[in-house]
Protein backbone atom coordinates (compact mmCIF):
# COMPACT_ATOMS: atom_id res chain seq x y z
CA MET A 1 -19.82 76.26 -55.58
CA ARG A 2 -17.67 77.32 -58.31
CA ARG A 3 -14.92 74.51 -59.39
CA THR A 4 -10.98 75.70 -58.71
CA ILE A 5 -9.16 76.68 -61.36
CA TRP A 6 -5.67 74.81 -60.45
CA ALA A 7 -5.88 73.21 -64.23
CA ALA A 8 -5.91 76.76 -66.03
CA LEU A 9 -2.06 76.94 -64.20
CA ILE A 10 -1.22 73.78 -65.48
CA ALA A 11 -2.23 74.94 -68.76
CA MET A 12 -0.68 78.30 -68.81
CA LEU A 13 2.71 76.44 -68.18
CA THR A 14 2.18 74.16 -71.07
CA LEU A 15 0.82 76.16 -73.66
CA GLY A 16 2.19 79.46 -72.83
CA GLY A 17 1.73 82.79 -74.75
CA SER A 18 -1.51 84.32 -73.46
CA ALA A 19 -2.38 87.00 -71.86
CA PHE A 20 -3.40 85.13 -68.21
CA ALA A 21 0.50 83.58 -68.81
CA GLU A 22 2.66 86.52 -68.95
CA THR A 23 0.56 88.10 -65.71
CA PHE A 24 -0.09 84.80 -63.47
CA PRO A 25 1.16 84.42 -60.62
CA SER A 26 1.25 87.96 -59.60
CA HIS A 27 1.11 87.41 -56.10
CA PRO A 28 1.90 84.16 -53.83
CA ILE A 29 -0.09 80.73 -54.07
CA THR A 30 -1.65 79.11 -51.20
CA ILE A 31 -1.56 75.14 -51.30
CA VAL A 32 -4.26 74.33 -48.30
CA VAL A 33 -2.87 70.90 -46.70
CA PRO A 34 -5.33 69.36 -44.68
CA PHE A 35 -3.35 68.05 -41.88
CA SER A 36 -0.80 69.57 -39.03
CA ALA A 37 2.44 70.59 -39.73
CA GLY A 38 5.30 67.76 -39.61
CA GLY A 39 2.94 65.21 -41.46
CA PRO A 40 3.66 63.21 -44.72
CA SER A 41 0.82 65.43 -46.49
CA ASP A 42 2.44 68.71 -45.46
CA ALA A 43 5.75 67.28 -46.30
CA MET A 44 5.04 66.35 -49.57
CA ALA A 45 3.40 69.56 -50.06
CA ARG A 46 6.60 71.45 -49.09
CA ILE A 47 8.65 70.00 -51.26
CA LEU A 48 5.78 70.21 -54.28
CA ALA A 49 5.91 73.65 -53.12
CA GLU A 50 9.71 74.73 -53.62
CA ARG A 51 9.81 73.10 -57.18
CA MET A 52 6.99 74.83 -58.08
CA LYS A 53 8.31 77.94 -56.69
CA VAL A 54 11.08 77.73 -59.23
CA THR A 55 9.31 77.47 -62.16
CA LEU A 56 6.52 80.17 -61.26
CA GLY A 57 8.99 82.23 -59.88
CA GLU A 58 6.51 83.07 -56.87
CA ALA A 59 6.32 82.01 -53.50
CA LEU A 60 4.04 79.10 -52.25
CA VAL A 61 2.43 79.25 -49.03
CA ILE A 62 1.53 76.00 -47.16
CA GLU A 63 -1.66 76.71 -45.12
CA ASN A 64 -2.36 73.57 -42.75
CA VAL A 65 -6.33 74.12 -41.76
CA THR A 66 -7.00 70.53 -39.94
CA GLY A 67 -10.16 68.82 -38.55
CA ALA A 68 -12.79 66.27 -39.55
CA GLY A 69 -10.12 63.89 -41.39
CA GLY A 70 -8.88 66.69 -43.74
CA SER A 71 -12.87 67.81 -44.66
CA ILE A 72 -12.44 71.21 -43.03
CA GLY A 73 -9.24 72.21 -45.14
CA VAL A 74 -10.94 70.88 -48.42
CA GLY A 75 -13.41 73.21 -47.98
CA ARG A 76 -11.36 75.98 -47.52
CA ALA A 77 -10.13 75.48 -50.59
CA VAL A 78 -13.64 74.96 -51.94
CA ARG A 79 -14.54 78.10 -50.85
CA SER A 80 -12.02 80.37 -52.02
CA PRO A 81 -11.86 82.30 -55.42
CA PRO A 82 -11.71 80.32 -58.31
CA ASP A 83 -8.41 82.02 -59.26
CA GLY A 84 -5.64 79.61 -59.51
CA TYR A 85 -4.24 81.03 -56.09
CA THR A 86 -5.69 78.13 -53.99
CA VAL A 87 -4.59 74.59 -54.31
CA SER A 88 -6.22 71.55 -52.28
CA PHE A 89 -3.88 69.24 -51.62
CA GLY A 90 -5.08 65.79 -50.59
CA HIS A 91 -5.31 61.95 -51.22
CA LEU A 92 -7.94 59.05 -51.01
CA GLY A 93 -9.17 60.05 -47.69
CA THR A 94 -9.86 63.71 -47.88
CA HIS A 95 -10.46 63.81 -51.44
CA VAL A 96 -12.97 60.06 -51.88
CA ALA A 97 -13.49 58.29 -48.41
CA ASN A 98 -14.65 61.59 -46.69
CA GLY A 99 -17.51 61.78 -49.28
CA ALA A 100 -19.08 58.80 -47.17
CA ILE A 101 -18.37 59.44 -44.10
CA TYR A 102 -19.08 63.24 -43.45
CA LYS A 103 -21.68 65.22 -44.02
CA LEU A 104 -19.92 67.70 -46.21
CA GLY A 105 -20.67 71.27 -47.38
CA TYR A 106 -19.58 70.65 -51.09
CA ASP A 107 -19.48 68.17 -53.65
CA LEU A 108 -15.83 66.47 -54.10
CA VAL A 109 -16.77 65.39 -57.68
CA THR A 110 -18.14 68.88 -58.81
CA ASP A 111 -16.76 71.45 -56.94
CA LEU A 112 -12.86 70.45 -57.29
CA GLU A 113 -11.00 69.99 -60.27
CA PRO A 114 -8.45 67.38 -60.25
CA VAL A 115 -5.15 68.33 -61.86
CA VAL A 116 -2.04 65.69 -61.08
CA LEU A 117 -1.75 62.60 -59.04
CA LEU A 118 1.42 62.90 -56.70
CA PRO A 119 3.80 59.92 -56.32
CA SER A 120 2.71 57.84 -53.61
CA ASN A 121 4.41 56.11 -50.72
CA PRO A 122 4.21 52.80 -48.53
CA MET A 123 2.26 52.63 -45.25
CA ILE A 124 3.84 51.27 -42.28
CA VAL A 125 3.10 50.48 -38.58
CA SER A 126 5.34 51.48 -35.68
CA ALA A 127 5.60 51.45 -31.97
CA ARG A 128 8.22 52.40 -29.73
CA THR A 129 11.52 50.30 -29.43
CA ARG A 130 10.21 49.38 -25.72
CA PHE A 131 7.67 47.63 -27.16
CA ARG A 132 7.83 43.96 -26.95
CA PRO A 133 7.09 42.54 -30.36
CA LYS A 134 10.02 42.80 -32.39
CA SER A 135 8.74 41.78 -35.62
CA LEU A 136 5.64 42.06 -37.60
CA GLN A 137 4.59 38.30 -36.86
CA GLU A 138 5.47 39.06 -32.76
CA LEU A 139 3.05 42.16 -33.31
CA LEU A 140 -0.03 40.24 -34.50
CA ALA A 141 0.57 37.61 -31.98
CA TRP A 142 0.46 40.42 -29.60
CA LEU A 143 -2.46 42.20 -30.79
CA LYS A 144 -4.80 39.07 -31.29
CA ALA A 145 -3.70 37.91 -27.84
CA ARG A 146 -5.05 41.22 -26.02
CA PRO A 147 -8.28 41.22 -24.34
CA ALA A 148 -8.74 44.38 -25.20
CA PRO A 149 -8.13 46.37 -28.60
CA ALA A 150 -4.60 48.09 -28.74
CA THR A 151 -5.00 52.06 -29.27
CA ALA A 152 -3.90 53.10 -32.64
CA GLY A 153 -3.25 56.66 -33.77
CA THR A 154 -4.63 58.04 -36.90
CA ALA A 155 -4.94 61.44 -38.43
CA GLY A 156 -8.66 61.60 -38.37
CA ALA A 157 -11.52 59.42 -39.27
CA GLY A 158 -11.35 58.74 -42.93
CA SER A 159 -7.84 59.63 -43.20
CA GLY A 160 -5.19 57.46 -45.00
CA SER A 161 -3.83 56.24 -41.94
CA HIS A 162 -7.26 55.36 -40.72
CA ILE A 163 -8.03 53.45 -44.21
CA ALA A 164 -4.57 51.65 -43.59
CA GLY A 165 -5.87 50.51 -40.42
CA LEU A 166 -9.40 49.21 -41.43
CA TYR A 167 -7.49 47.00 -44.05
CA PHE A 168 -5.01 46.19 -41.74
CA GLU A 169 -7.65 44.73 -39.57
CA ASN A 170 -9.25 42.99 -42.71
CA VAL A 171 -6.21 41.12 -43.90
CA THR A 172 -5.07 39.98 -40.42
CA GLY A 173 -8.34 39.87 -38.33
CA ILE A 174 -6.71 41.86 -35.33
CA LYS A 175 -8.88 44.52 -34.16
CA LEU A 176 -7.55 47.59 -33.12
CA GLN A 177 -9.24 51.22 -31.16
CA TYR A 178 -8.45 53.96 -33.22
CA VAL A 179 -7.45 57.68 -31.67
CA PRO A 180 -8.17 60.25 -34.10
CA TYR A 181 -5.49 63.11 -34.19
CA ARG A 182 -5.47 66.72 -36.19
CA GLY A 183 -2.35 64.70 -38.28
CA THR A 184 0.32 62.33 -38.31
CA ALA A 185 2.62 64.57 -36.20
CA PRO A 186 0.54 64.64 -33.06
CA ALA A 187 0.10 61.00 -33.34
CA MET A 188 3.56 60.48 -33.29
CA ASN A 189 4.06 62.73 -30.46
CA ASP A 190 1.56 60.51 -28.18
CA LEU A 191 3.12 57.56 -29.57
CA VAL A 192 6.99 58.09 -28.19
CA ALA A 193 5.24 59.40 -24.96
CA GLY A 194 3.84 56.03 -25.07
CA GLN A 195 0.19 57.43 -24.95
CA ILE A 196 -0.93 54.90 -27.59
CA ASP A 197 0.21 51.55 -29.04
CA VAL A 198 0.98 51.57 -32.22
CA ASN A 199 0.68 54.07 -35.28
CA ASP A 200 -0.04 53.16 -38.82
CA ARG A 201 1.08 56.19 -41.47
CA SER A 202 3.32 57.25 -44.21
CA ASN A 203 7.10 56.72 -44.14
CA ILE A 204 7.92 59.46 -45.94
CA GLN A 205 8.49 61.25 -42.51
CA PHE A 206 11.62 59.42 -42.54
CA HIS A 207 13.07 60.80 -45.24
CA GLN A 208 12.91 64.15 -44.00
CA PRO A 209 16.40 65.40 -42.94
CA GLY A 210 16.67 64.43 -39.23
CA ALA A 211 13.55 62.74 -38.78
CA ARG A 212 15.45 59.60 -37.61
CA ARG A 213 17.46 61.58 -35.14
CA GLN A 214 14.05 62.86 -34.06
CA HIS A 215 12.18 59.73 -33.13
CA PRO A 216 14.84 57.36 -31.97
CA ARG A 217 12.55 55.56 -29.97
CA LEU A 218 10.44 53.94 -32.77
CA CYS A 219 10.51 50.48 -34.54
CA HIS A 220 8.66 49.69 -37.69
CA TYR A 221 7.17 46.73 -38.82
């Protein structure tokens, strides 16, 4: 498969002067987010799209294509025409780990061209406010004392939240039962509803307007 040429857009913006720069973009650009709307990847992509719209003078459309830890969405971008109008948005899970977890119909190294490293943000563990542990120490003690692993929501196998959970297990000695979702947002909904015990995810959601009002029943460790 041919590699995407989003790098060509960056060259156009920095060098300018070419015929391509004078005509590109001539119609909206699609950013494929491999997780559901409302999650941290979706939020960051929408912030990026608003800034790019000002520079490019053209609309950017966010397309949420979920499933298989983000690999379906990345595949959607890989199979698009290499004309600079489709951008794959992702992270360590979607563009690195999935190559070792899933049998992909594309090559993450040769079929995609990396363009820019976006800002990172910390991962946090969340639970309902009525949850008995009120500190990280109490949470770890509760997790270790359970006869069966607590349920932890993730954005899918191989997602950033899944990898963070595995790392959390490794450094603390606890065990979790992972429940995969098609993104962080639906996992958060089930957490609030009491369907799962904890959720580890990016804290970027709580930097969005109204985010704290939408999830007043959560505590974070």
